[in-house]
Protein backbone atom coordinates (compact mmCIF):
# COMPACT_ATOMS: atom_id res chain seq x y z
CA UNK A 1 52.06 -13.97 -28.06
CA UNK A 2 51.64 -11.52 -25.20
CA UNK A 3 47.78 -10.31 -24.75
CA UNK A 4 49.16 -6.91 -24.74
CA UNK A 5 50.14 -7.25 -28.31
CA UNK A 6 46.61 -8.34 -29.50
CA UNK A 7 44.92 -6.03 -32.22
CA UNK A 8 41.51 -4.82 -32.13
CA UNK A 9 40.66 -7.65 -34.85
CA UNK A 10 42.19 -10.19 -32.92
CA UNK A 11 40.14 -9.15 -29.92
CA UNK A 12 37.04 -9.16 -32.11
CA UNK A 13 37.93 -12.79 -33.18
CA UNK A 14 39.14 -14.42 -29.96
CA UNK A 15 36.75 -15.67 -27.66
CA UNK A 16 36.92 -13.66 -23.99
CA UNK A 17 37.63 -16.91 -22.21
CA UNK A 18 40.64 -18.02 -24.50
CA UNK A 19 41.78 -14.36 -23.72
CA UNK A 20 41.09 -14.67 -19.74
CA UNK A 21 42.95 -17.74 -19.66
CA UNK A 22 46.04 -15.98 -21.72
CA UNK A 23 45.81 -12.95 -19.54
CA UNK A 24 45.38 -15.27 -15.87
CA UNK A 25 48.57 -17.19 -16.98
CA UNK A 26 50.58 -14.37 -18.00
CA UNK A 27 49.60 -12.18 -15.03
CA UNK A 28 50.22 -15.40 -12.71
CA UNK A 29 47.78 -14.29 -10.09
CA UNK A 30 44.16 -14.14 -9.56
CA UNK A 31 42.00 -11.18 -10.87
CA UNK A 32 38.78 -9.48 -10.45
CA UNK A 33 36.11 -10.21 -12.97
CA UNK A 34 35.67 -6.43 -14.05
CA UNK A 35 39.35 -5.77 -14.05
CA UNK A 36 39.36 -8.59 -16.62
CA UNK A 37 36.72 -7.10 -18.60
CA UNK A 38 38.02 -3.80 -18.43
CA UNK A 39 41.12 -4.96 -19.92
CA UNK A 40 39.13 -6.65 -22.81
CA UNK A 41 37.35 -3.32 -23.40
CA UNK A 42 41.12 -1.67 -23.35
CA UNK A 43 42.33 -4.05 -26.20
CA UNK A 44 39.53 -3.85 -28.23
CA UNK A 45 38.88 0.12 -27.87
CA UNK A 46 35.18 -1.18 -26.78
CA UNK A 47 32.43 1.20 -24.99
CA UNK A 48 30.12 -1.08 -22.67
CA UNK A 49 27.47 -1.12 -25.05
CA UNK A 50 29.51 -2.68 -27.46
CA UNK A 51 30.62 -5.70 -25.86
CA UNK A 52 27.55 -6.54 -23.54
CA UNK A 53 26.46 -9.84 -25.17
CA UNK A 54 30.26 -10.86 -24.99
CA UNK A 55 30.53 -10.00 -21.35
CA UNK A 56 27.40 -12.36 -20.70
CA UNK A 57 28.79 -15.00 -22.47
CA UNK A 58 32.01 -14.66 -20.82
CA UNK A 59 30.55 -14.59 -17.50
CA UNK A 60 28.80 -17.83 -18.58
CA UNK A 61 31.64 -19.65 -19.78
CA UNK A 62 33.75 -18.72 -16.70
CA UNK A 63 31.34 -20.23 -14.46
CA UNK A 64 31.34 -23.33 -16.80
CA UNK A 65 34.86 -23.92 -17.91
CA UNK A 66 36.79 -26.16 -15.86
CA UNK A 67 40.24 -24.29 -16.43
CA UNK A 68 39.17 -21.45 -13.83
CA UNK A 69 38.34 -21.20 -10.24
CA UNK A 70 36.35 -18.55 -8.34
CA UNK A 71 38.00 -17.95 -5.15
CA UNK A 72 35.63 -15.77 -3.70
CA UNK A 73 34.22 -11.98 -3.95
CA UNK A 74 34.36 -12.46 -7.98
CA UNK A 75 38.02 -12.91 -8.00
CA UNK A 76 39.17 -15.69 -10.92
CA UNK A 77 42.08 -17.61 -10.85
CA UNK A 78 43.23 -20.78 -12.96
CA UNK A 79 42.49 -24.16 -11.25
CA UNK A 80 45.92 -25.03 -12.10
CA UNK A 81 47.30 -23.22 -9.56
CA UNK A 82 45.46 -24.85 -6.83
CA UNK A 83 45.74 -28.26 -5.04
CA UNK A 84 42.62 -30.53 -4.38
CA UNK A 85 43.03 -29.40 -1.00
CA UNK A 86 43.28 -25.91 -1.81
CA UNK A 87 39.89 -26.08 -3.91
CA UNK A 88 37.75 -27.79 -1.58
CA UNK A 89 38.83 -25.03 1.07
CA UNK A 90 37.80 -22.16 -1.51
CA UNK A 91 34.53 -23.73 -3.14
CA UNK A 92 33.19 -25.83 -0.19
CA UNK A 93 30.27 -24.29 1.47
CA UNK A 94 30.85 -22.74 5.16
CA UNK A 95 28.89 -24.92 7.57
CA UNK A 96 28.15 -23.56 10.96
CA UNK A 97 28.42 -25.71 13.93
CA UNK A 98 27.07 -25.58 17.13
CA UNK A 99 26.41 -27.77 19.92
CA UNK A 100 22.94 -29.39 21.04
CA UNK A 101 21.62 -28.53 24.37
CA UNK A 102 21.50 -30.95 27.03
CA UNK A 103 19.81 -30.99 30.11
CA UNK A 104 22.35 -28.84 32.22
CA UNK A 105 22.70 -26.49 29.71
CA UNK A 106 19.07 -25.56 29.34
CA UNK A 107 19.23 -24.59 33.24
CA UNK A 108 22.09 -22.68 32.55
CA UNK A 109 20.45 -18.91 32.50
CA UNK A 110 23.89 -17.33 31.47
CA UNK A 111 23.51 -19.28 27.78
CA UNK A 112 22.32 -17.35 24.91
CA UNK A 113 20.45 -19.65 22.13
CA UNK A 114 21.02 -19.19 18.51
CA UNK A 115 19.02 -15.84 17.49
CA UNK A 116 18.58 -14.28 21.14
CA UNK A 117 20.51 -11.03 21.09
CA UNK A 118 20.58 -7.93 23.74
CA UNK A 119 17.35 -6.76 22.49
CA UNK A 120 15.41 -9.50 24.49
CA UNK A 121 15.48 -6.60 27.36
CA UNK A 122 12.14 -4.69 25.71
CA UNK A 123 9.90 -5.79 28.49
CA UNK A 124 7.50 -2.74 27.81
CA UNK A 125 6.73 -4.37 24.75
CA UNK A 126 3.05 -6.24 25.21
CA UNK A 127 2.93 -9.54 23.59
CA UNK A 128 -0.22 -8.61 21.96
CA UNK A 129 -1.09 -5.20 20.31
CA UNK A 130 -4.51 -3.82 20.04
CA UNK A 131 -4.38 -3.98 15.68
CA UNK A 132 -3.31 -8.02 16.07
CA UNK A 133 -5.74 -10.46 15.17
CA UNK A 134 -5.79 -13.35 17.89
CA UNK A 135 -6.83 -16.93 17.34
CA UNK A 136 -8.71 -18.68 19.98
CA UNK A 137 -8.05 -21.82 20.20
CA UNK A 138 -11.62 -23.88 19.48
CA UNK A 139 -12.82 -25.93 22.20
CA UNK A 140 -12.37 -29.67 22.00
CA UNK A 141 -14.88 -31.46 20.08
CA UNK A 142 -16.47 -34.52 21.85
CA UNK A 143 -16.30 -37.73 19.74
CA UNK A 144 -19.51 -39.59 20.13
CA UNK A 145 -19.02 -43.18 21.32
CA UNK A 146 -16.98 -45.36 18.34
CA UNK A 147 -19.58 -47.24 15.91
CA UNK A 148 -19.55 -51.11 16.80
CA UNK A 149 -17.95 -52.92 13.97
CA UNK A 150 -21.04 -54.92 13.07
CA UNK A 151 -23.32 -51.36 12.67
CA UNK A 152 -20.51 -50.06 10.03
CA UNK A 153 -21.57 -50.73 6.43
CA UNK A 154 -19.59 -50.21 3.46
CA UNK A 155 -21.76 -50.19 0.24
CA UNK A 156 -18.90 -51.80 -2.39
CA UNK A 157 -21.40 -53.38 -4.37
CA UNK A 158 -22.81 -50.62 -6.04
CA UNK A 159 -19.04 -49.46 -7.28
CA UNK A 160 -18.41 -52.83 -8.75
CA UNK A 161 -21.76 -53.40 -10.19
CA UNK A 162 -21.67 -49.78 -12.37
CA UNK A 163 -17.93 -51.02 -13.22
CA UNK A 164 -19.07 -53.92 -14.42
CA UNK A 165 -22.20 -52.40 -16.29
CA UNK A 166 -19.66 -50.00 -18.23
CA UNK A 167 -17.44 -53.01 -19.22
CA UNK A 168 -20.38 -55.00 -20.62
CA UNK A 169 -21.23 -52.19 -22.34
CA UNK A 170 -18.14 -51.15 -24.14
CA UNK A 171 -17.92 -54.87 -24.86
CA UNK A 172 -21.28 -54.78 -26.81
CA UNK A 173 -20.56 -51.84 -28.76
CA UNK A 174 -17.32 -53.86 -30.07
CA UNK A 175 -19.03 -56.74 -30.78
CA UNK A 176 -21.69 -54.54 -32.77
CA UNK A 177 -18.62 -52.91 -34.69
CA UNK A 178 -17.43 -56.04 -35.80
CA UNK A 179 -20.64 -57.13 -37.33
CA UNK A 180 -21.00 -54.05 -39.14
């Protein structure tokens, strides 16, 4: 049965994702998400507020159902229509390549670096304005002479003694509990 022949009751019972599959299969071409939704609204004689929850679920299903492929700009098609190479091309992230500058390039004054634009000619703009705070670098602190190793004292015994005392207290408490 063609999707155009669906009754309102059929549209109410059928999921939008299954209807979208049928619609795209019949049409044989990609469709914009909003055109698909408009088609469903017309078939079921729905107002926007009547199908709002179904549209949210439909969009989620479109993104998770393996039968569909977003080919860009909210245009959807069936995955079966595309080869693996086409799918990789359509959904692979675009990577912008750029060359790494070598010593010769750094000396080339005509070469524009990434992010540089024509607005760099604004020489009349001061580097620091009156309303900007400036951070002064602290003077380098002088480091005293290094302390000889024989003068360094590490007091490890105190910590170990405290740990041992705590363990002994816990042990004593356990023995008292067993005796009672």
